[in-house]
Amino acid sequence: MKKREKKKAEPGKYHKTLKEQVHENKALAVVYVVLRVLVVLVMVAQFFNGNFENVFLCVLTLMLFMIPSVIERTIHIEVPDTLEIIILLFIFAAEILGEIQAYYVQFPYWDTMLHTLNGFLCAAIGFSLVDILNRNDRFSVSLSPIYLAIVAFCFSMTVGVLWEFFEWAMDSFFLLDMQKDTVVHAVSSVMLDPAGGNVPTAIKDITDVIVVTSDGAQHALGLGGYLDIGINDTMKDLFVNFVGAVVFSVIGFFYVKNRGKGRFARRFIPQVLPVTPAEPVGAEKNDIDGAQ
């Protein structure tokens, strides 16, 4: 019992130096160092190639790598090492491989894989929200496993929707292509109704589209079909986010229902730490491991 109290009284991980964290988990340290070195090498190469937009993406990536540590310091939670490593790899895969190395174009399912993983990870983070937001000593909430699973699922889907809002805004105001377009071979719209009514009119077997600009110039797209402007990509992203959220919500449900038993879910759910190192053990409220 004394040993447990001593462990609780020690400063949280957010107080430890990088050197101390290296001694605790060499795998995490290796990932940190390797990814940072790779990003710096890519940044130098992009700088000499004159791709300053990619240089900015590299700087942004290095800043995003600090998110887990910043969260641990400011919110006083402990991010599991497995979750932290996956977050770092996720950022690297999205920014460096996806954007700079054009994996989004070279590998059709790269974006799908990342959105599925995003739904999975955000659901894991959602399970810790109740603990993070409930630190009042006078107020403690005990929620059923099914309710926690619903909260986690809703949190994950909300993050997914907000990201799609962001992609749409970037495409609309800066003419980017974050919502990757899709070539389709059939369209159906009421705007094509010759009578001007509300009857959907379909055009099938589309093999090419000619775009006429205001100066009368005609541009054949030569894509083998009609160019969809992102709705298919958005719906696909939301669907795979939904799949990832459902999968971890089910895993988390049984994790909480079994009173925190099982190692898999524990590797992904952040744990709330005491606000101050000297705080008594009993002051820590509503830890996810002790949920219903």
Protein backbone atom coordinates (compact mmCIF):
# COMPACT_ATOMS: atom_id res chain seq x y z
CA MET A 1 0.00 0.00 0.00
CA LYS A 2 2.82 2.37 0.84
CA LYS A 3 4.50 1.55 -2.40
CA ARG A 4 1.35 2.46 -4.33
CA GLU A 5 1.04 5.79 -2.53
CA LYS A 6 4.66 6.59 -3.26
CA LYS A 7 4.09 5.90 -6.94
CA LYS A 8 1.07 8.18 -7.01
CA ALA A 9 2.97 10.93 -5.22
CA GLU A 10 5.74 11.05 -7.82
CA PRO A 11 5.62 13.82 -10.43
CA GLY A 12 3.68 12.90 -13.54
CA LYS A 13 5.28 12.16 -16.83
CA TYR A 14 4.75 15.77 -17.89
CA HIS A 15 7.39 16.85 -15.35
CA LYS A 16 10.07 14.53 -16.69
CA THR A 17 12.90 15.56 -18.94
CA LEU A 18 13.48 14.04 -22.37
CA LYS A 19 16.50 12.18 -20.96
CA GLU A 20 14.34 10.57 -18.29
CA GLN A 21 11.72 9.58 -20.85
CA VAL A 22 14.43 8.02 -23.03
CA HIS A 23 15.50 5.79 -20.13
CA GLU A 24 11.85 4.79 -19.52
CA ASN A 25 10.90 3.94 -23.10
CA LYS A 26 13.65 3.60 -25.69
CA ALA A 27 11.19 2.72 -28.47
CA LEU A 28 9.38 6.03 -28.04
CA ALA A 29 12.71 7.88 -27.96
CA VAL A 30 13.84 6.17 -31.17
CA VAL A 31 10.60 7.13 -32.93
CA TYR A 32 10.98 10.74 -31.76
CA VAL A 33 14.56 11.03 -32.98
CA VAL A 34 14.13 9.16 -36.28
CA LEU A 35 11.00 11.07 -37.33
CA ARG A 36 12.52 14.44 -36.45
CA VAL A 37 15.70 13.67 -38.35
CA LEU A 38 13.68 12.59 -41.40
CA VAL A 39 11.58 15.74 -41.29
CA VAL A 40 14.67 17.95 -41.02
CA LEU A 41 16.30 16.16 -43.98
CA VAL A 42 13.13 16.60 -46.06
CA MET A 43 12.94 20.27 -45.03
CA VAL A 44 16.54 20.92 -46.13
CA ALA A 45 15.92 19.18 -49.46
CA GLN A 46 12.73 21.16 -50.08
CA PHE A 47 14.51 24.41 -49.20
CA PHE A 48 17.27 23.85 -51.77
CA ASN A 49 14.63 22.84 -54.33
CA GLY A 50 12.83 26.12 -53.73
CA ASN A 51 9.63 24.45 -52.46
CA PHE A 52 9.08 26.88 -49.59
CA GLU A 53 5.47 25.76 -49.08
CA ASN A 54 6.79 22.29 -48.27
CA VAL A 55 9.38 23.84 -45.96
CA PHE A 56 6.48 25.37 -44.04
CA LEU A 57 4.79 21.95 -43.88
CA CYS A 58 7.97 20.49 -42.40
CA VAL A 59 8.12 23.23 -39.75
CA LEU A 60 4.44 22.63 -39.01
CA THR A 61 5.13 18.90 -38.66
CA LEU A 62 7.90 19.52 -36.13
CA MET A 63 5.50 21.70 -34.14
CA LEU A 64 2.75 19.06 -34.29
CA PHE A 65 5.22 16.49 -32.94
CA MET A 66 5.22 18.46 -29.67
CA ILE A 67 1.45 18.15 -29.18
CA PRO A 68 1.51 15.04 -26.91
CA SER A 69 4.12 16.59 -24.59
CA VAL A 70 2.31 19.95 -24.50
CA ILE A 71 -0.99 18.24 -23.68
CA GLU A 72 0.61 16.25 -20.88
CA ARG A 73 2.06 19.42 -19.35
CA THR A 74 -0.98 21.67 -19.69
CA ILE A 75 -3.88 19.27 -19.07
CA HIS A 76 -1.99 16.97 -16.67
CA ILE A 77 -2.78 13.69 -18.38
CA GLU A 78 -0.55 10.78 -19.27
CA VAL A 79 -0.63 9.82 -22.92
CA PRO A 80 0.15 6.08 -23.25
CA ASP A 81 3.37 5.40 -25.13
CA THR A 82 1.57 3.34 -27.79
CA LEU A 83 -0.89 6.15 -28.46
CA GLU A 84 1.92 8.71 -28.55
CA ILE A 85 3.93 6.70 -31.07
CA ILE A 86 0.88 6.23 -33.31
CA ILE A 87 0.10 9.96 -33.14
CA LEU A 88 3.64 10.81 -34.23
CA LEU A 89 3.52 8.28 -37.08
CA PHE A 90 0.08 9.59 -38.07
CA ILE A 91 1.37 13.17 -38.32
CA PHE A 92 4.39 12.04 -40.35
CA ALA A 93 2.24 9.91 -42.65
CA ALA A 94 -0.24 12.73 -43.25
CA GLU A 95 2.08 15.72 -43.69
CA ILE A 96 5.39 14.37 -44.99
CA LEU A 97 4.37 11.21 -46.84
CA GLY A 98 0.86 12.25 -47.78
CA GLU A 99 1.40 15.88 -48.83
CA ILE A 100 5.08 16.28 -49.72
CA GLN A 101 5.74 12.78 -51.09
CA ALA A 102 2.26 12.73 -52.72
CA TYR A 103 1.21 9.41 -51.19
CA TYR A 104 -2.39 10.62 -51.34
CA VAL A 105 -2.13 10.46 -55.13
CA GLN A 106 0.24 7.50 -55.52
CA PHE A 107 -1.66 5.23 -53.14
CA PRO A 108 -5.47 5.52 -53.52
CA TYR A 109 -6.19 4.12 -50.04
CA TRP A 110 -3.63 6.19 -48.13
CA ASP A 111 -6.19 8.85 -47.18
CA THR A 112 -8.75 6.18 -46.30
CA MET A 113 -6.29 4.47 -43.97
CA LEU A 114 -5.48 7.71 -42.15
CA HIS A 115 -9.14 8.68 -41.70
CA THR A 116 -9.97 5.23 -40.34
CA LEU A 117 -7.10 5.50 -37.88
CA ASN A 118 -8.21 9.00 -36.94
CA GLY A 119 -11.67 7.73 -36.02
CA PHE A 120 -10.12 4.95 -33.93
CA LEU A 121 -7.72 7.26 -32.04
CA CYS A 122 -10.25 10.04 -31.43
CA ALA A 123 -12.66 7.51 -29.91
CA ALA A 124 -9.85 6.41 -27.57
CA ILE A 125 -9.27 10.01 -26.54
CA GLY A 126 -13.01 10.48 -26.10
CA PHE A 127 -13.04 7.86 -23.34
CA SER A 128 -10.82 10.06 -21.19
CA LEU A 129 -12.85 13.26 -21.72
CA VAL A 130 -15.09 12.69 -18.72
CA ASP A 131 -12.08 12.36 -16.41
CA ILE A 132 -10.30 15.33 -17.97
CA LEU A 133 -13.33 17.61 -17.68
CA ASN A 134 -14.31 16.38 -14.21
CA ARG A 135 -11.59 17.48 -11.80
CA ASN A 136 -13.78 19.27 -9.27
CA ASP A 137 -13.27 17.76 -5.81
CA ARG A 138 -16.89 18.52 -4.91
CA PHE A 139 -18.39 17.01 -8.02
CA SER A 140 -17.84 13.53 -9.38
CA VAL A 141 -19.66 11.75 -12.18
CA SER A 142 -20.00 8.01 -12.53
CA LEU A 143 -21.18 6.98 -15.97
CA SER A 144 -22.19 3.62 -17.36
CA PRO A 145 -19.93 1.93 -19.94
CA ILE A 146 -22.51 2.35 -22.72
CA TYR A 147 -22.74 6.10 -22.05
CA LEU A 148 -18.95 6.44 -22.14
CA ALA A 149 -18.89 4.52 -25.42
CA ILE A 150 -21.50 6.90 -26.89
CA VAL A 151 -19.52 9.95 -25.71
CA ALA A 152 -16.35 8.56 -27.27
CA PHE A 153 -18.12 7.78 -30.55
CA CYS A 154 -19.73 11.24 -30.75
CA PHE A 155 -16.41 12.94 -29.97
CA SER A 156 -14.66 11.02 -32.73
CA MET A 157 -17.35 11.79 -35.30
CA THR A 158 -17.38 15.47 -34.32
CA VAL A 159 -13.63 15.71 -34.91
CA GLY A 160 -14.09 14.01 -38.29
CA VAL A 161 -16.84 16.44 -39.33
CA LEU A 162 -14.84 19.49 -38.23
CA TRP A 163 -11.89 18.27 -40.29
CA GLU A 164 -14.10 17.95 -43.37
CA PHE A 165 -15.32 21.51 -42.74
CA PHE A 166 -11.66 22.58 -42.71
CA GLU A 167 -10.91 20.76 -45.98
CA TRP A 168 -13.95 22.34 -47.65
CA ALA A 169 -12.91 25.82 -46.46
CA MET A 170 -9.36 25.40 -47.78
CA ASP A 171 -10.65 24.21 -51.15
CA SER A 172 -13.25 26.99 -51.41
CA PHE A 173 -11.15 29.97 -50.34
CA PHE A 174 -7.63 28.96 -51.42
CA LEU A 175 -8.45 26.67 -54.39
CA LEU A 176 -6.61 23.71 -52.88
CA ASP A 177 -7.65 20.10 -53.39
CA MET A 178 -7.81 18.69 -49.87
CA GLN A 179 -11.13 17.09 -50.77
CA LYS A 180 -9.67 14.89 -53.46
CA ASP A 181 -11.82 14.83 -56.59
CA THR A 182 -13.25 11.61 -58.02
CA VAL A 183 -13.83 10.66 -61.65
CA VAL A 184 -17.36 9.31 -62.08
CA HIS A 185 -19.06 7.97 -65.21
CA ALA A 186 -22.67 8.93 -64.47
CA VAL A 187 -24.42 11.94 -62.92
CA SER A 188 -28.03 12.60 -62.01
CA SER A 189 -29.47 16.01 -61.19
CA VAL A 190 -32.80 17.83 -61.22
CA MET A 191 -30.94 20.77 -62.78
CA LEU A 192 -30.73 18.70 -65.97
CA ASP A 193 -34.52 18.29 -66.20
CA PRO A 194 -35.52 19.77 -69.61
CA ALA A 195 -38.88 20.86 -68.17
CA GLY A 196 -37.21 22.70 -65.30
CA GLY A 197 -39.03 20.54 -62.77
CA ASN A 198 -37.95 18.39 -59.87
CA VAL A 199 -37.29 15.22 -61.87
CA PRO A 200 -33.74 13.84 -61.65
CA THR A 201 -32.24 13.46 -65.11
CA ALA A 202 -29.29 11.12 -65.53
CA ILE A 203 -26.38 11.15 -67.95
CA LYS A 204 -24.63 7.80 -68.17
CA ASP A 205 -21.51 6.40 -69.81
CA ILE A 206 -19.56 9.67 -69.54
CA THR A 207 -16.12 9.35 -71.11
CA ASP A 208 -14.96 12.98 -71.12
CA VAL A 209 -15.96 16.50 -70.07
CA ILE A 210 -15.28 19.74 -71.94
CA VAL A 211 -14.96 22.90 -69.85
CA VAL A 212 -15.77 26.22 -71.54
CA THR A 213 -14.23 29.31 -69.90
CA SER A 214 -15.50 32.89 -70.08
CA ASP A 215 -13.21 33.69 -73.03
CA GLY A 216 -14.79 30.92 -75.07
CA ALA A 217 -11.83 28.56 -74.80
CA GLN A 218 -12.67 24.88 -74.51
CA HIS A 219 -10.66 22.49 -72.37
CA ALA A 220 -11.20 18.75 -72.62
CA LEU A 221 -10.31 17.29 -69.22
CA GLY A 222 -9.32 13.93 -70.68
CA LEU A 223 -9.98 12.10 -67.39
CA GLY A 224 -12.22 9.42 -68.83
CA GLY A 225 -15.32 10.68 -67.05
CA TYR A 226 -16.99 13.49 -65.10
CA LEU A 227 -14.93 15.23 -62.41
CA ASP A 228 -16.69 15.08 -59.05
CA ILE A 229 -15.68 18.01 -56.80
CA GLY A 230 -15.15 16.22 -53.51
CA ILE A 231 -18.47 14.94 -52.17
CA ASN A 232 -17.51 11.30 -52.72
CA ASP A 233 -14.20 11.84 -50.92
CA THR A 234 -15.94 13.58 -48.01
CA MET A 235 -18.55 10.88 -47.55
CA LYS A 236 -15.91 8.14 -47.81
CA ASP A 237 -13.77 9.88 -45.17
CA LEU A 238 -16.72 10.24 -42.80
CA PHE A 239 -17.71 6.61 -43.33
CA VAL A 240 -14.27 5.19 -42.51
CA ASN A 241 -14.06 7.59 -39.55
CA PHE A 242 -17.37 6.08 -38.44
CA VAL A 243 -15.93 2.57 -38.76
CA GLY A 244 -12.86 3.45 -36.69
CA ALA A 245 -14.98 5.17 -34.04
CA VAL A 246 -17.37 2.22 -33.75
CA VAL A 247 -14.52 -0.31 -33.45
CA PHE A 248 -12.81 1.43 -30.56
CA SER A 249 -16.08 2.40 -28.87
CA VAL A 250 -16.96 -1.31 -28.70
CA ILE A 251 -13.48 -2.14 -27.40
CA GLY A 252 -13.70 0.66 -24.84
CA PHE A 253 -17.17 -0.45 -23.74
CA PHE A 254 -15.91 -3.87 -22.70
CA TYR A 255 -12.77 -2.32 -21.21
CA VAL A 256 -14.83 -0.11 -18.88
CA LYS A 257 -17.43 -2.81 -18.24
CA ASN A 258 -14.65 -5.13 -17.04
CA ARG A 259 -13.35 -2.39 -14.72
CA GLY A 260 -10.25 -1.55 -16.71
CA LYS A 261 -9.06 -5.11 -17.29
CA GLY A 262 -7.26 -5.83 -20.52
CA ARG A 263 -4.06 -4.39 -21.93
CA PHE A 264 -5.13 -3.42 -25.46
CA ALA A 265 -7.51 -0.54 -24.70
CA ARG A 266 -5.23 0.73 -21.91
CA ARG A 267 -2.53 1.40 -24.51
CA PHE A 268 -4.74 3.98 -26.25
CA ILE A 269 -6.77 5.73 -23.52
CA PRO A 270 -5.05 8.73 -21.85
CA GLN A 271 -5.09 8.62 -18.05
CA VAL A 272 -5.82 11.60 -15.81
CA LEU A 273 -2.96 12.51 -13.45
CA PRO A 274 -3.26 14.35 -10.13
CA VAL A 275 -3.18 18.11 -10.57
CA THR A 276 -0.34 18.41 -8.05
CA PRO A 277 2.24 15.75 -7.16
CA ALA A 278 1.55 16.11 -3.44
CA GLU A 279 -2.19 15.61 -3.82
CA PRO A 280 -3.54 12.64 -1.80
CA VAL A 281 -4.39 9.48 -3.66
CA GLY A 282 -8.06 9.78 -2.74
CA ALA A 283 -8.36 13.15 -4.44
CA GLU A 284 -8.08 11.66 -7.90
CA LYS A 285 -11.65 11.43 -9.16
CA ASN A 286 -13.40 9.11 -11.56
CA ASP A 287 -10.38 7.45 -13.17
CA ILE A 288 -11.43 5.52 -16.28
CA ASP A 289 -10.01 2.31 -14.78
CA GLY A 290 -12.50 2.55 -11.94
CA ALA A 291 -15.53 3.31 -14.07
CA GLN A 292 -18.62 1.20 -13.72
